[in-house]
Amino acid sequence: MRFATVLFTLLAAAASTKTVAGIAIEDRETNGQRMARGLPPLPPRDLTMRSSLVVAAKRGQPSSVPDPRCPHGTTYCCDYVKDHNDGLIAVLLGLLGLHFPDGVGIGKSCSKSPVGSVCHKTLACCTGTDYGSIVTTCSAL
């Protein structure tokens, strides 16, 4: 009988605590629960003693730095950049149902070009839609 009492007491104590990252945290009644019972609210907890052990992360470099020559678009390396009204490009865009205002350049076989990388073809600044290897609203840099 005594063993059952001790076991019950230990189980009750274990059930009343939670563990977070291996640290036991006691269940606390919320102030709302206390006030519903007519009790005054609890004082604020001292969170400085239970602060996280995570060390501040080292500040890294930004993921991408815009090319100063292309501040409002993305830099691409393209086979070429031509006006959308140019010969075969105009025919293909017409067949696809794509229409653009005059002066819009289309880049062919384009891939994104990070700042500082070498482009052996035509470096372009594009602000339009990327359709895989075709990019709209481009201008050669």
C-alpha atoms as a PDB file:
ATOM      1  CA  MET A   1       0.000   0.000   0.000  1.00  0.00           C
ATOM      2  CA  ARG A   2       2.810   2.384   0.849  1.00  0.00           C
ATOM      3  CA  PHE A   3       4.538   1.620  -2.482  1.00  0.00           C
ATOM      4  CA  ALA A   4       1.327   2.528  -4.352  1.00  0.00           C
ATOM      5  CA  THR A   5       1.131   5.887  -2.522  1.00  0.00           C
ATOM      6  CA  VAL A   6       4.749   6.749  -3.355  1.00  0.00           C
ATOM      7  CA  LEU A   7       4.265   5.687  -6.982  1.00  0.00           C
ATOM      8  CA  PHE A   8       1.074   7.757  -7.267  1.00  0.00           C
ATOM      9  CA  THR A   9       2.845  10.796  -5.782  1.00  0.00           C
ATOM     10  CA  LEU A  10       5.747  10.452  -8.236  1.00  0.00           C
ATOM     11  CA  LEU A  11       3.402  10.068 -11.206  1.00  0.00           C
ATOM     12  CA  ALA A  12       1.393  13.111 -10.134  1.00  0.00           C
ATOM     13  CA  ALA A  13       4.579  15.182  -9.811  1.00  0.00           C
ATOM     14  CA  ALA A  14       5.778  14.018 -13.229  1.00  0.00           C
ATOM     15  CA  ALA A  15       2.422  14.841 -14.810  1.00  0.00           C
ATOM     16  CA  SER A  16       2.479  18.380 -13.388  1.00  0.00           C
ATOM     17  CA  THR A  17       5.754  19.284 -15.108  1.00  0.00           C
ATOM     18  CA  LYS A  18       6.616  19.628 -18.765  1.00  0.00           C
ATOM     19  CA  THR A  19      10.036  19.287 -20.300  1.00  0.00           C
ATOM     20  CA  VAL A  20      11.300  21.573 -23.020  1.00  0.00           C
ATOM     21  CA  ALA A  21      14.767  20.791 -24.376  1.00  0.00           C
ATOM     22  CA  GLY A  22      15.431  18.626 -21.322  1.00  0.00           C
ATOM     23  CA  ILE A  23      14.503  21.376 -18.818  1.00  0.00           C
ATOM     24  CA  ALA A  24      11.542  20.742 -16.497  1.00  0.00           C
ATOM     25  CA  ILE A  25       9.001  23.550 -16.527  1.00  0.00           C
ATOM     26  CA  GLU A  26       6.173  23.592 -13.991  1.00  0.00           C
ATOM     27  CA  ASP A  27       2.621  24.153 -15.200  1.00  0.00           C
ATOM     28  CA  ARG A  28       1.484  27.579 -14.175  1.00  0.00           C
ATOM     29  CA  GLU A  29      -2.064  28.659 -13.910  1.00  0.00           C
ATOM     30  CA  THR A  30      -2.827  31.534 -16.270  1.00  0.00           C
ATOM     31  CA  ASN A  31      -3.894  34.897 -14.910  1.00  0.00           C
ATOM     32  CA  GLY A  32      -7.234  34.434 -16.664  1.00  0.00           C
ATOM     33  CA  GLN A  33      -7.830  31.187 -14.772  1.00  0.00           C
ATOM     34  CA  ARG A  34      -6.834  32.828 -11.482  1.00  0.00           C
ATOM     35  CA  MET A  35      -9.054  35.861 -12.042  1.00  0.00           C
ATOM     36  CA  ALA A  36     -12.016  33.602 -12.919  1.00  0.00           C
ATOM     37  CA  ARG A  37     -11.604  32.056  -9.452  1.00  0.00           C
ATOM     38  CA  GLY A  38     -11.474  35.516  -7.815  1.00  0.00           C
ATOM     39  CA  LEU A  39      -7.698  35.456  -7.196  1.00  0.00           C
ATOM     40  CA  PRO A  40      -5.294  38.302  -8.058  1.00  0.00           C
ATOM     41  CA  PRO A  41      -3.020  37.905 -11.102  1.00  0.00           C
ATOM     42  CA  LEU A  42       0.469  36.460 -10.753  1.00  0.00           C
ATOM     43  CA  PRO A  43       3.472  38.795 -10.973  1.00  0.00           C
ATOM     44  CA  PRO A  44       5.416  38.754 -14.257  1.00  0.00           C
ATOM     45  CA  ARG A  45       7.940  35.932 -14.594  1.00  0.00           C
ATOM     46  CA  ASP A  46      11.641  36.667 -14.601  1.00  0.00           C
ATOM     47  CA  LEU A  47      12.478  35.453 -18.101  1.00  0.00           C
ATOM     48  CA  THR A  48      16.131  36.436 -17.885  1.00  0.00           C
ATOM     49  CA  MET A  49      16.990  33.228 -16.054  1.00  0.00           C
ATOM     50  CA  ARG A  50      15.254  31.009 -18.626  1.00  0.00           C
ATOM     51  CA  SER A  51      16.551  32.703 -21.724  1.00  0.00           C
ATOM     52  CA  SER A  52      17.523  30.682 -24.744  1.00  0.00           C
ATOM     53  CA  LEU A  53      21.032  29.360 -24.978  1.00  0.00           C
ATOM     54  CA  VAL A  54      21.119  30.111 -28.708  1.00  0.00           C
ATOM     55  CA  VAL A  55      23.987  32.390 -29.619  1.00  0.00           C
ATOM     56  CA  ALA A  56      23.202  35.200 -32.013  1.00  0.00           C
ATOM     57  CA  ALA A  57      23.868  34.188 -35.601  1.00  0.00           C
ATOM     58  CA  LYS A  58      26.660  35.912 -37.444  1.00  0.00           C
ATOM     59  CA  ARG A  59      25.301  38.456 -39.854  1.00  0.00           C
ATOM     60  CA  GLY A  60      25.898  37.237 -43.398  1.00  0.00           C
ATOM     61  CA  GLN A  61      25.997  38.942 -46.735  1.00  0.00           C
ATOM     62  CA  PRO A  62      22.745  39.676 -48.568  1.00  0.00           C
ATOM     63  CA  SER A  63      21.645  36.826 -50.824  1.00  0.00           C
ATOM     64  CA  SER A  64      21.794  38.941 -53.937  1.00  0.00           C
ATOM     65  CA  VAL A  65      23.166  42.350 -54.719  1.00  0.00           C
ATOM     66  CA  PRO A  66      21.491  44.129 -57.640  1.00  0.00           C
ATOM     67  CA  ASP A  67      23.678  45.084 -60.568  1.00  0.00           C
ATOM     68  CA  PRO A  68      24.050  48.889 -60.529  1.00  0.00           C
ATOM     69  CA  ARG A  69      23.496  48.886 -64.298  1.00  0.00           C
ATOM     70  CA  CYS A  70      20.161  47.072 -63.801  1.00  0.00           C
ATOM     71  CA  PRO A  71      18.654  48.426 -60.562  1.00  0.00           C
ATOM     72  CA  HIS A  72      15.001  47.604 -61.385  1.00  0.00           C
ATOM     73  CA  GLY A  73      15.394  44.266 -63.149  1.00  0.00           C
ATOM     74  CA  THR A  74      17.334  41.036 -63.276  1.00  0.00           C
ATOM     75  CA  THR A  75      20.635  40.566 -65.086  1.00  0.00           C
ATOM     76  CA  TYR A  76      20.651  37.776 -67.686  1.00  0.00           C
ATOM     77  CA  CYS A  77      23.250  36.361 -70.040  1.00  0.00           C
ATOM     78  CA  CYS A  78      21.466  35.815 -73.398  1.00  0.00           C
ATOM     79  CA  ASP A  79      22.448  34.574 -76.839  1.00  0.00           C
ATOM     80  CA  TYR A  80      21.026  37.833 -78.141  1.00  0.00           C
ATOM     81  CA  VAL A  81      18.495  40.580 -77.405  1.00  0.00           C
ATOM     82  CA  LYS A  82      16.335  41.764 -80.310  1.00  0.00           C
ATOM     83  CA  ASP A  83      13.292  43.970 -80.740  1.00  0.00           C
ATOM     84  CA  HIS A  84      10.027  42.039 -80.555  1.00  0.00           C
ATOM     85  CA  ASN A  85       9.094  43.265 -84.070  1.00  0.00           C
ATOM     86  CA  ASP A  86      12.212  41.672 -85.591  1.00  0.00           C
ATOM     87  CA  GLY A  87      11.373  39.039 -88.264  1.00  0.00           C
ATOM     88  CA  LEU A  88      11.030  35.527 -86.907  1.00  0.00           C
ATOM     89  CA  ILE A  89      10.613  36.736 -83.305  1.00  0.00           C
ATOM     90  CA  ALA A  90       7.516  38.737 -84.298  1.00  0.00           C
ATOM     91  CA  VAL A  91       6.041  35.701 -86.099  1.00  0.00           C
ATOM     92  CA  LEU A  92       6.659  33.376 -83.121  1.00  0.00           C
ATOM     93  CA  LEU A  93       5.260  35.851 -80.589  1.00  0.00           C
ATOM     94  CA  GLY A  94       2.205  36.345 -82.810  1.00  0.00           C
ATOM     95  CA  LEU A  95       1.610  32.586 -82.979  1.00  0.00           C
ATOM     96  CA  LEU A  96       1.845  32.419 -79.182  1.00  0.00           C
ATOM     97  CA  GLY A  97      -0.601  35.311 -78.843  1.00  0.00           C
ATOM     98  CA  LEU A  98       1.919  37.522 -77.068  1.00  0.00           C
ATOM     99  CA  HIS A  99       1.774  41.229 -77.874  1.00  0.00           C
ATOM    100  CA  PHE A 100       4.130  43.900 -76.562  1.00  0.00           C
ATOM    101  CA  PRO A 101       4.394  47.677 -76.977  1.00  0.00           C
ATOM    102  CA  ASP A 102       6.969  49.082 -79.401  1.00  0.00           C
ATOM    103  CA  GLY A 103      10.568  49.066 -78.256  1.00  0.00           C
ATOM    104  CA  VAL A 104      10.320  45.944 -76.089  1.00  0.00           C
ATOM    105  CA  GLY A 105      13.341  43.689 -76.378  1.00  0.00           C
ATOM    106  CA  ILE A 106      13.207  39.902 -76.232  1.00  0.00           C
ATOM    107  CA  GLY A 107      16.176  37.906 -74.920  1.00  0.00           C
ATOM    108  CA  LYS A 108      16.780  34.439 -76.388  1.00  0.00           C
ATOM    109  CA  SER A 109      18.469  31.524 -74.564  1.00  0.00           C
ATOM    110  CA  CYS A 110      18.859  33.540 -71.381  1.00  0.00           C
ATOM    111  CA  SER A 111      20.088  32.432 -67.991  1.00  0.00           C
ATOM    112  CA  LYS A 112      20.331  34.506 -64.811  1.00  0.00           C
ATOM    113  CA  SER A 113      23.723  36.091 -64.437  1.00  0.00           C
ATOM    114  CA  PRO A 114      24.915  36.871 -60.893  1.00  0.00           C
ATOM    115  CA  VAL A 115      26.746  40.164 -60.378  1.00  0.00           C
ATOM    116  CA  GLY A 116      30.422  39.785 -61.202  1.00  0.00           C
ATOM    117  CA  SER A 117      30.001  36.670 -63.334  1.00  0.00           C
ATOM    118  CA  VAL A 118      31.396  36.553 -66.862  1.00  0.00           C
ATOM    119  CA  CYS A 119      28.955  36.518 -69.787  1.00  0.00           C
ATOM    120  CA  HIS A 120      30.512  35.615 -73.146  1.00  0.00           C
ATOM    121  CA  LYS A 121      27.294  36.411 -75.008  1.00  0.00           C
ATOM    122  CA  THR A 122      24.984  39.399 -74.498  1.00  0.00           C
ATOM    123  CA  LEU A 123      24.518  40.751 -70.983  1.00  0.00           C
ATOM    124  CA  ALA A 124      20.962  42.047 -70.621  1.00  0.00           C
ATOM    125  CA  CYS A 125      18.774  43.761 -68.043  1.00  0.00           C
ATOM    126  CA  CYS A 126      15.270  42.285 -68.108  1.00  0.00           C
ATOM    127  CA  THR A 127      12.190  43.402 -66.194  1.00  0.00           C
ATOM    128  CA  GLY A 128       9.581  41.196 -67.866  1.00  0.00           C
ATOM    129  CA  THR A 129       8.532  37.580 -67.616  1.00  0.00           C
ATOM    130  CA  ASP A 130      10.989  34.685 -67.756  1.00  0.00           C
ATOM    131  CA  TYR A 131       9.574  31.910 -69.981  1.00  0.00           C
ATOM    132  CA  GLY A 132      12.454  29.515 -69.419  1.00  0.00           C
ATOM    133  CA  SER A 133      15.097  30.552 -71.950  1.00  0.00           C
ATOM    134  CA  ILE A 134      13.081  33.447 -73.437  1.00  0.00           C
ATOM    135  CA  VAL A 135      12.804  36.632 -71.350  1.00  0.00           C
ATOM    136  CA  THR A 136      10.681  39.677 -72.197  1.00  0.00           C
ATOM    137  CA  THR A 137      11.305  43.392 -71.725  1.00  0.00           C
ATOM    138  CA  CYS A 138      15.088  43.223 -72.040  1.00  0.00           C
ATOM    139  CA  SER A 139      17.730  45.720 -73.006  1.00  0.00           C
ATOM    140  CA  ALA A 140      21.354  44.904 -73.752  1.00  0.00           C
ATOM    141  CA  LEU A 141      23.875  46.340 -71.279  1.00  0.00           C
END
